[in-house]
């Protein structure tokens, strides 16, 4: 595992659980607004945690933490992700996986092995704008396959979209909500400039626009919420 970061305590990343967050390096997308650009572009630079070190930390936190969030980058690119999650589950932790949904076969494999309890999938945009927003040429069938699998998996899950001025319109967001109609949860995340972006000069949409987007999404996903305002 290429582990580039470890947040030892979070009360926000895993709903209803006290958890830690593990950041993996590398991603197959190049979203201009990515707030963890260093995890995507500079995977061989800076901080790195050995897998044994992280597993040792988790063993010491048994009874203090309920869950482990695995994020990135894109965790499903890690060749030994299945083995790693197996070790985490063997300790008794609940596992939340953040993914961009572009590795549906790997997602199905590890979920089928009982290694994930909660899935959070980023939906970058509506079909027509997916490639532009993800920064690469997208095979949209892979995205659709992951969406359909997650909604039928029986697991707890959420979909989420980071909303960025110039990339997302109200119409775009409505198309996404229609695509995931009936989903358990959908979050609109207002863009925040972390200072570690792939493309500079981006900005958030106005609060009023986000509220309009939410109201339209509620027609399709009853549990739609806004994060970041």
C-alpha atoms as a PDB file:
ATOM      1  CA  UNK A   1       0.000   0.000   0.000  1.00  0.00           C
ATOM      2  CA  UNK A   2       1.184   3.476  -0.839  1.00  0.00           C
ATOM      3  CA  UNK A   3      -0.069   5.367   2.195  1.00  0.00           C
ATOM      4  CA  UNK A   4       0.623   9.085   2.007  1.00  0.00           C
ATOM      5  CA  UNK A   5      -1.257  10.320   5.027  1.00  0.00           C
ATOM      6  CA  UNK A   6      -2.882   9.283   8.279  1.00  0.00           C
ATOM      7  CA  UNK A   7      -5.398  11.378  10.163  1.00  0.00           C
ATOM      8  CA  UNK A   8      -5.500   9.713  13.538  1.00  0.00           C
ATOM      9  CA  UNK A   9      -8.942  10.919  14.552  1.00  0.00           C
ATOM     10  CA  UNK A  10     -11.980  12.147  12.645  1.00  0.00           C
ATOM     11  CA  UNK A  11     -15.554  12.658  13.788  1.00  0.00           C
ATOM     12  CA  UNK A  12     -16.665  13.792  10.325  1.00  0.00           C
ATOM     13  CA  UNK A  13     -15.380  11.386   7.676  1.00  0.00           C
ATOM     14  CA  UNK A  14     -17.343   8.313   8.781  1.00  0.00           C
ATOM     15  CA  UNK A  15     -20.961   9.097   9.687  1.00  0.00           C
ATOM     16  CA  UNK A  16     -21.891   8.113  13.267  1.00  0.00           C
ATOM     17  CA  UNK A  17     -18.452   6.649  13.961  1.00  0.00           C
ATOM     18  CA  UNK A  18     -15.232   7.722  15.629  1.00  0.00           C
ATOM     19  CA  UNK A  19     -12.623   6.888  13.026  1.00  0.00           C
ATOM     20  CA  UNK A  20      -9.245   7.538  11.500  1.00  0.00           C
ATOM     21  CA  UNK A  21      -8.598   8.345   7.850  1.00  0.00           C
ATOM     22  CA  UNK A  22      -5.951   6.755   5.656  1.00  0.00           C
ATOM     23  CA  UNK A  23      -4.897   8.589   2.482  1.00  0.00           C
ATOM     24  CA  UNK A  24      -3.550   6.497  -0.385  1.00  0.00           C
ATOM     25  CA  UNK A  25      -1.386   7.912  -3.157  1.00  0.00           C
ATOM     26  CA  UNK A  26      -2.180   7.967  -6.862  1.00  0.00           C
ATOM     27  CA  UNK A  27      -5.341   8.502  -8.886  1.00  0.00           C
ATOM     28  CA  UNK A  28      -6.561   7.707 -12.387  1.00  0.00           C
ATOM     29  CA  UNK A  29      -8.470  11.015 -12.601  1.00  0.00           C
ATOM     30  CA  UNK A  30      -7.115  14.548 -12.942  1.00  0.00           C
ATOM     31  CA  UNK A  31     -10.031  16.624 -11.696  1.00  0.00           C
ATOM     32  CA  UNK A  32      -8.974  20.288 -11.906  1.00  0.00           C
ATOM     33  CA  UNK A  33     -10.560  21.047  -8.521  1.00  0.00           C
ATOM     34  CA  UNK A  34      -9.006  18.075  -6.691  1.00  0.00           C
ATOM     35  CA  UNK A  35      -8.149  19.297  -3.188  1.00  0.00           C
ATOM     36  CA  UNK A  36      -5.493  16.601  -2.665  1.00  0.00           C
ATOM     37  CA  UNK A  37      -3.376  17.313  -5.744  1.00  0.00           C
ATOM     38  CA  UNK A  38      -0.153  16.241  -4.038  1.00  0.00           C
ATOM     39  CA  UNK A  39      -1.651  12.759  -3.534  1.00  0.00           C
ATOM     40  CA  UNK A  40      -2.382  12.580  -7.254  1.00  0.00           C
ATOM     41  CA  UNK A  41       0.590  14.239  -8.932  1.00  0.00           C
ATOM     42  CA  UNK A  42       3.524  13.838  -6.526  1.00  0.00           C
ATOM     43  CA  UNK A  43       3.035  10.305  -5.250  1.00  0.00           C
ATOM     44  CA  UNK A  44       6.771   9.664  -4.797  1.00  0.00           C
ATOM     45  CA  UNK A  45       7.404  12.859  -2.874  1.00  0.00           C
ATOM     46  CA  UNK A  46       6.887  13.792   0.747  1.00  0.00           C
ATOM     47  CA  UNK A  47       5.321  11.842   3.565  1.00  0.00           C
ATOM     48  CA  UNK A  48       4.849   8.093   3.396  1.00  0.00           C
ATOM     49  CA  UNK A  49       3.660   5.579   5.981  1.00  0.00           C
ATOM     50  CA  UNK A  50       4.627   1.930   5.938  1.00  0.00           C
ATOM     51  CA  UNK A  51       1.695  -0.477   5.915  1.00  0.00           C
ATOM     52  CA  UNK A  52       2.942  -2.283   9.029  1.00  0.00           C
ATOM     53  CA  UNK A  53       3.205   1.049  10.824  1.00  0.00           C
ATOM     54  CA  UNK A  54      -0.428   1.882  10.052  1.00  0.00           C
ATOM     55  CA  UNK A  55      -1.672  -1.579  11.037  1.00  0.00           C
ATOM     56  CA  UNK A  56       0.271  -1.303  14.288  1.00  0.00           C
ATOM     57  CA  UNK A  57      -1.392   2.044  14.978  1.00  0.00           C
ATOM     58  CA  UNK A  58      -4.812   0.500  14.378  1.00  0.00           C
ATOM     59  CA  UNK A  59      -4.091  -2.351  16.780  1.00  0.00           C
ATOM     60  CA  UNK A  60      -3.184   0.175  19.490  1.00  0.00           C
ATOM     61  CA  UNK A  61      -6.441   2.072  18.908  1.00  0.00           C
ATOM     62  CA  UNK A  62      -8.727  -0.948  19.307  1.00  0.00           C
ATOM     63  CA  UNK A  63     -11.564   0.046  21.598  1.00  0.00           C
ATOM     64  CA  UNK A  64     -10.970   3.737  20.969  1.00  0.00           C
ATOM     65  CA  UNK A  65     -11.863   3.914  17.282  1.00  0.00           C
ATOM     66  CA  UNK A  66     -14.924   2.398  15.628  1.00  0.00           C
ATOM     67  CA  UNK A  67     -13.992   2.699  11.987  1.00  0.00           C
ATOM     68  CA  UNK A  68     -11.351   3.308   9.346  1.00  0.00           C
ATOM     69  CA  UNK A  69     -11.863   5.558   6.322  1.00  0.00           C
ATOM     70  CA  UNK A  70      -9.739   4.722   3.292  1.00  0.00           C
ATOM     71  CA  UNK A  71      -9.511   7.549   0.791  1.00  0.00           C
ATOM     72  CA  UNK A  72      -7.073   9.039  -1.682  1.00  0.00           C
ATOM     73  CA  UNK A  73      -6.212   9.575  -4.348  1.00  0.00           C
ATOM     74  CA  UNK A  74      -8.074   6.481  -5.492  1.00  0.00           C
ATOM     75  CA  UNK A  75      -7.707   3.548  -3.058  1.00  0.00           C
ATOM     76  CA  UNK A  76      -8.824   0.906  -5.557  1.00  0.00           C
ATOM     77  CA  UNK A  77      -5.636   1.478  -7.579  1.00  0.00           C
ATOM     78  CA  UNK A  78      -3.622  -0.074  -4.752  1.00  0.00           C
ATOM     79  CA  UNK A  79      -2.634  -3.620  -5.741  1.00  0.00           C
ATOM     80  CA  UNK A  80      -2.799  -4.878  -2.163  1.00  0.00           C
ATOM     81  CA  UNK A  81      -5.949  -3.035  -1.109  1.00  0.00           C
ATOM     82  CA  UNK A  82      -7.856  -6.296  -0.603  1.00  0.00           C
ATOM     83  CA  UNK A  83      -5.211  -7.714   1.726  1.00  0.00           C
ATOM     84  CA  UNK A  84      -4.985  -4.442   3.634  1.00  0.00           C
ATOM     85  CA  UNK A  85      -8.739  -4.147   4.138  1.00  0.00           C
ATOM     86  CA  UNK A  86      -8.814  -7.794   5.197  1.00  0.00           C
ATOM     87  CA  UNK A  87      -6.321  -7.013   7.960  1.00  0.00           C
ATOM     88  CA  UNK A  88      -8.364  -4.013   9.069  1.00  0.00           C
ATOM     89  CA  UNK A  89     -11.611  -5.996   9.133  1.00  0.00           C
ATOM     90  CA  UNK A  90      -9.938  -8.850  11.031  1.00  0.00           C
ATOM     91  CA  UNK A  91      -9.285  -6.352  13.837  1.00  0.00           C
ATOM     92  CA  UNK A  92     -12.999  -5.661  14.038  1.00  0.00           C
ATOM     93  CA  UNK A  93     -13.115  -2.205  12.475  1.00  0.00           C
ATOM     94  CA  UNK A  94     -15.879  -0.939  10.223  1.00  0.00           C
ATOM     95  CA  UNK A  95     -14.471   0.226   6.878  1.00  0.00           C
ATOM     96  CA  UNK A  96     -15.576   3.211   4.805  1.00  0.00           C
ATOM     97  CA  UNK A  97     -14.207   3.360   1.273  1.00  0.00           C
ATOM     98  CA  UNK A  98     -14.038   6.557  -0.786  1.00  0.00           C
ATOM     99  CA  UNK A  99     -13.867   5.921  -4.527  1.00  0.00           C
ATOM    100  CA  UNK A 100     -14.318   7.614  -7.880  1.00  0.00           C
ATOM    101  CA  UNK A 101     -16.096   4.506  -9.162  1.00  0.00           C
ATOM    102  CA  UNK A 102     -13.786   3.921 -12.108  1.00  0.00           C
ATOM    103  CA  UNK A 103     -12.753   0.411 -11.018  1.00  0.00           C
ATOM    104  CA  UNK A 104     -16.130  -1.329 -10.750  1.00  0.00           C
ATOM    105  CA  UNK A 105     -14.706  -4.866 -10.913  1.00  0.00           C
ATOM    106  CA  UNK A 106     -12.350  -4.192  -8.002  1.00  0.00           C
ATOM    107  CA  UNK A 107     -15.166  -2.543  -6.064  1.00  0.00           C
ATOM    108  CA  UNK A 108     -17.407  -5.569  -6.611  1.00  0.00           C
ATOM    109  CA  UNK A 109     -14.586  -7.944  -5.629  1.00  0.00           C
ATOM    110  CA  UNK A 110     -13.696  -6.371  -2.298  1.00  0.00           C
ATOM    111  CA  UNK A 111     -17.308  -5.697  -1.411  1.00  0.00           C
ATOM    112  CA  UNK A 112     -18.215  -9.292  -2.200  1.00  0.00           C
ATOM    113  CA  UNK A 113     -15.461 -10.381   0.163  1.00  0.00           C
ATOM    114  CA  UNK A 114     -17.160  -8.474   2.986  1.00  0.00           C
ATOM    115  CA  UNK A 115     -14.346  -5.938   3.351  1.00  0.00           C
ATOM    116  CA  UNK A 116     -16.371  -2.717   3.104  1.00  0.00           C
ATOM    117  CA  UNK A 117     -19.241  -1.449   5.264  1.00  0.00           C
ATOM    118  CA  UNK A 118     -19.832   2.014   3.784  1.00  0.00           C
ATOM    119  CA  UNK A 119     -19.110   3.317   0.280  1.00  0.00           C
ATOM    120  CA  UNK A 120     -18.782   6.980  -0.651  1.00  0.00           C
ATOM    121  CA  UNK A 121     -18.627   7.503  -4.413  1.00  0.00           C
ATOM    122  CA  UNK A 122     -17.811  10.828  -6.007  1.00  0.00           C
ATOM    123  CA  UNK A 123     -19.952  11.560  -9.049  1.00  0.00           C
ATOM    124  CA  UNK A 124     -18.008  14.168 -10.957  1.00  0.00           C
ATOM    125  CA  UNK A 125     -20.715  15.478 -13.267  1.00  0.00           C
ATOM    126  CA  UNK A 126     -23.496  14.523 -15.666  1.00  0.00           C
ATOM    127  CA  UNK A 127     -22.601  12.130 -18.488  1.00  0.00           C
ATOM    128  CA  UNK A 128     -21.982  14.839 -21.081  1.00  0.00           C
ATOM    129  CA  UNK A 129     -19.444  16.659 -18.907  1.00  0.00           C
ATOM    130  CA  UNK A 130     -17.798  13.717 -17.144  1.00  0.00           C
ATOM    131  CA  UNK A 131     -14.561  13.652 -19.129  1.00  0.00           C
ATOM    132  CA  UNK A 132     -14.088  17.408 -18.886  1.00  0.00           C
ATOM    133  CA  UNK A 133     -14.648  17.355 -15.146  1.00  0.00           C
ATOM    134  CA  UNK A 134     -12.550  14.251 -14.434  1.00  0.00           C
ATOM    135  CA  UNK A 135      -9.674  15.557 -16.550  1.00  0.00           C
ATOM    136  CA  UNK A 136      -9.363  12.378 -18.643  1.00  0.00           C
ATOM    137  CA  UNK A 137     -11.311  10.611 -21.377  1.00  0.00           C
ATOM    138  CA  UNK A 138     -13.954   8.676 -19.429  1.00  0.00           C
ATOM    139  CA  UNK A 139     -15.649   5.378 -20.272  1.00  0.00           C
ATOM    140  CA  UNK A 140     -19.000   6.302 -18.744  1.00  0.00           C
ATOM    141  CA  UNK A 141     -20.102   2.663 -18.646  1.00  0.00           C
ATOM    142  CA  UNK A 142     -17.645   2.087 -15.796  1.00  0.00           C
ATOM    143  CA  UNK A 143     -19.199   4.910 -13.806  1.00  0.00           C
ATOM    144  CA  UNK A 144     -22.699   3.603 -14.452  1.00  0.00           C
ATOM    145  CA  UNK A 145     -21.691   0.082 -13.456  1.00  0.00           C
ATOM    146  CA  UNK A 146     -20.384   1.306 -10.097  1.00  0.00           C
ATOM    147  CA  UNK A 147     -23.469   3.429  -9.460  1.00  0.00           C
ATOM    148  CA  UNK A 148     -25.815   0.543 -10.191  1.00  0.00           C
ATOM    149  CA  UNK A 149     -23.795  -1.885  -8.088  1.00  0.00           C
ATOM    150  CA  UNK A 150     -23.625   0.435  -5.088  1.00  0.00           C
ATOM    151  CA  UNK A 151     -27.355   1.126  -5.155  1.00  0.00           C
ATOM    152  CA  UNK A 152     -28.118  -2.600  -5.272  1.00  0.00           C
ATOM    153  CA  UNK A 153     -25.389  -3.712  -2.844  1.00  0.00           C
ATOM    154  CA  UNK A 154     -27.393  -3.562   0.370  1.00  0.00           C
ATOM    155  CA  UNK A 155     -24.559  -1.626   2.017  1.00  0.00           C
ATOM    156  CA  UNK A 156     -24.756   1.825   3.506  1.00  0.00           C
ATOM    157  CA  UNK A 157     -23.524   4.383   0.990  1.00  0.00           C
ATOM    158  CA  UNK A 158     -23.556   7.940  -0.241  1.00  0.00           C
ATOM    159  CA  UNK A 159     -23.010   9.705  -3.526  1.00  0.00           C
ATOM    160  CA  UNK A 160     -21.485  13.162  -3.574  1.00  0.00           C
ATOM    161  CA  UNK A 161     -20.575  15.868  -6.037  1.00  0.00           C
ATOM    162  CA  UNK A 162     -18.150  18.723  -5.467  1.00  0.00           C
ATOM    163  CA  UNK A 163     -19.811  21.737  -7.075  1.00  0.00           C
ATOM    164  CA  UNK A 164     -17.482  24.155  -8.843  1.00  0.00           C
ATOM    165  CA  UNK A 165     -18.303  27.379 -10.640  1.00  0.00           C
ATOM    166  CA  UNK A 166     -17.820  26.955 -14.380  1.00  0.00           C
ATOM    167  CA  UNK A 167     -18.070  23.153 -14.220  1.00  0.00           C
ATOM    168  CA  UNK A 168     -21.529  22.575 -12.766  1.00  0.00           C
ATOM    169  CA  UNK A 169     -24.854  24.162 -13.619  1.00  0.00           C
ATOM    170  CA  UNK A 170     -28.235  23.575 -12.022  1.00  0.00           C
ATOM    171  CA  UNK A 171     -29.160  21.502 -15.062  1.00  0.00           C
ATOM    172  CA  UNK A 172     -26.032  19.352 -14.686  1.00  0.00           C
ATOM    173  CA  UNK A 173     -26.810  18.617 -11.047  1.00  0.00           C
ATOM    174  CA  UNK A 174     -30.410  17.732 -11.872  1.00  0.00           C
ATOM    175  CA  UNK A 175     -29.162  15.211 -14.455  1.00  0.00           C
ATOM    176  CA  UNK A 176     -26.958  13.592 -11.823  1.00  0.00           C
ATOM    177  CA  UNK A 177     -29.816  13.412  -9.328  1.00  0.00           C
ATOM    178  CA  UNK A 178     -32.068  11.885 -11.959  1.00  0.00           C
ATOM    179  CA  UNK A 179     -29.394   9.261 -12.722  1.00  0.00           C
ATOM    180  CA  UNK A 180     -29.209   8.210  -9.063  1.00  0.00           C
ATOM    181  CA  UNK A 181     -32.939   8.604  -8.407  1.00  0.00           C
ATOM    182  CA  UNK A 182     -33.927   6.703  -5.269  1.00  0.00           C
ATOM    183  CA  UNK A 183     -30.402   6.684  -3.798  1.00  0.00           C
ATOM    184  CA  UNK A 184     -30.007   6.599  -0.026  1.00  0.00           C
ATOM    185  CA  UNK A 185     -27.983   9.811   0.270  1.00  0.00           C
ATOM    186  CA  UNK A 186     -26.642  12.498  -2.025  1.00  0.00           C
ATOM    187  CA  UNK A 187     -24.375  15.317  -0.881  1.00  0.00           C
ATOM    188  CA  UNK A 188     -23.591  18.515  -2.740  1.00  0.00           C
ATOM    189  CA  UNK A 189     -20.178  19.644  -1.546  1.00  0.00           C
ATOM    190  CA  UNK A 190     -19.331  23.279  -2.061  1.00  0.00           C
ATOM    191  CA  UNK A 191     -15.874  23.710  -3.557  1.00  0.00           C
ATOM    192  CA  UNK A 192     -13.209  24.922  -1.132  1.00  0.00           C
ATOM    193  CA  UNK A 193      -9.764  26.019  -2.277  1.00  0.00           C
ATOM    194  CA  UNK A 194      -7.442  23.858  -0.186  1.00  0.00           C
ATOM    195  CA  UNK A 195      -4.321  25.456  -1.636  1.00  0.00           C
ATOM    196  CA  UNK A 196      -3.349  22.054  -3.056  1.00  0.00           C
ATOM    197  CA  UNK A 197      -5.268  22.044  -6.347  1.00  0.00           C
ATOM    198  CA  UNK A 198      -4.479  20.670  -9.796  1.00  0.00           C
ATOM    199  CA  UNK A 199      -5.796  23.878 -11.389  1.00  0.00           C
ATOM    200  CA  UNK A 200      -5.725  27.262  -9.679  1.00  0.00           C
ATOM    201  CA  UNK A 201      -8.227  30.068 -10.013  1.00  0.00           C
ATOM    202  CA  UNK A 202     -11.353  28.010  -9.350  1.00  0.00           C
ATOM    203  CA  UNK A 203     -14.208  29.156  -7.145  1.00  0.00           C
ATOM    204  CA  UNK A 204     -17.389  27.978  -5.467  1.00  0.00           C
ATOM    205  CA  UNK A 205     -20.892  28.641  -6.699  1.00  0.00           C
ATOM    206  CA  UNK A 206     -23.002  31.072  -4.643  1.00  0.00           C
ATOM    207  CA  UNK A 207     -24.852  29.690  -1.633  1.00  0.00           C
ATOM    208  CA  UNK A 208     -28.176  30.554  -3.276  1.00  0.00           C
ATOM    209  CA  UNK A 209     -27.270  28.396  -6.299  1.00  0.00           C
ATOM    210  CA  UNK A 210     -26.398  25.442  -4.086  1.00  0.00           C
ATOM    211  CA  UNK A 211     -29.754  25.750  -2.350  1.00  0.00           C
ATOM    212  CA  UNK A 212     -31.507  25.769  -5.733  1.00  0.00           C
ATOM    213  CA  UNK A 213     -29.560  22.673  -6.735  1.00  0.00           C
ATOM    214  CA  UNK A 214     -30.578  20.916  -3.543  1.00  0.00           C
ATOM    215  CA  UNK A 215     -34.253  21.733  -4.020  1.00  0.00           C
ATOM    216  CA  UNK A 216     -34.215  20.225  -7.513  1.00  0.00           C
ATOM    217  CA  UNK A 217     -32.317  17.135  -6.346  1.00  0.00           C
ATOM    218  CA  UNK A 218     -34.928  16.466  -3.672  1.00  0.00           C
ATOM    219  CA  UNK A 219     -37.357  15.505  -6.420  1.00  0.00           C
ATOM    220  CA  UNK A 220     -35.119  12.521  -7.190  1.00  0.00           C
ATOM    221  CA  UNK A 221     -33.152  11.803  -3.984  1.00  0.00           C
ATOM    222  CA  UNK A 222     -35.146  12.529  -0.845  1.00  0.00           C
ATOM    223  CA  UNK A 223     -32.050  12.624   1.348  1.00  0.00           C
ATOM    224  CA  UNK A 224     -30.039  15.344  -0.403  1.00  0.00           C
ATOM    225  CA  UNK A 225     -27.903  17.605   1.760  1.00  0.00           C
ATOM    226  CA  UNK A 226     -25.324  20.363   1.306  1.00  0.00           C
ATOM    227  CA  UNK A 227     -21.853  20.253   2.800  1.00  0.00           C
ATOM    228  CA  UNK A 228     -19.557  23.226   3.070  1.00  0.00           C
ATOM    229  CA  UNK A 229     -21.797  26.230   3.738  1.00  0.00           C
END
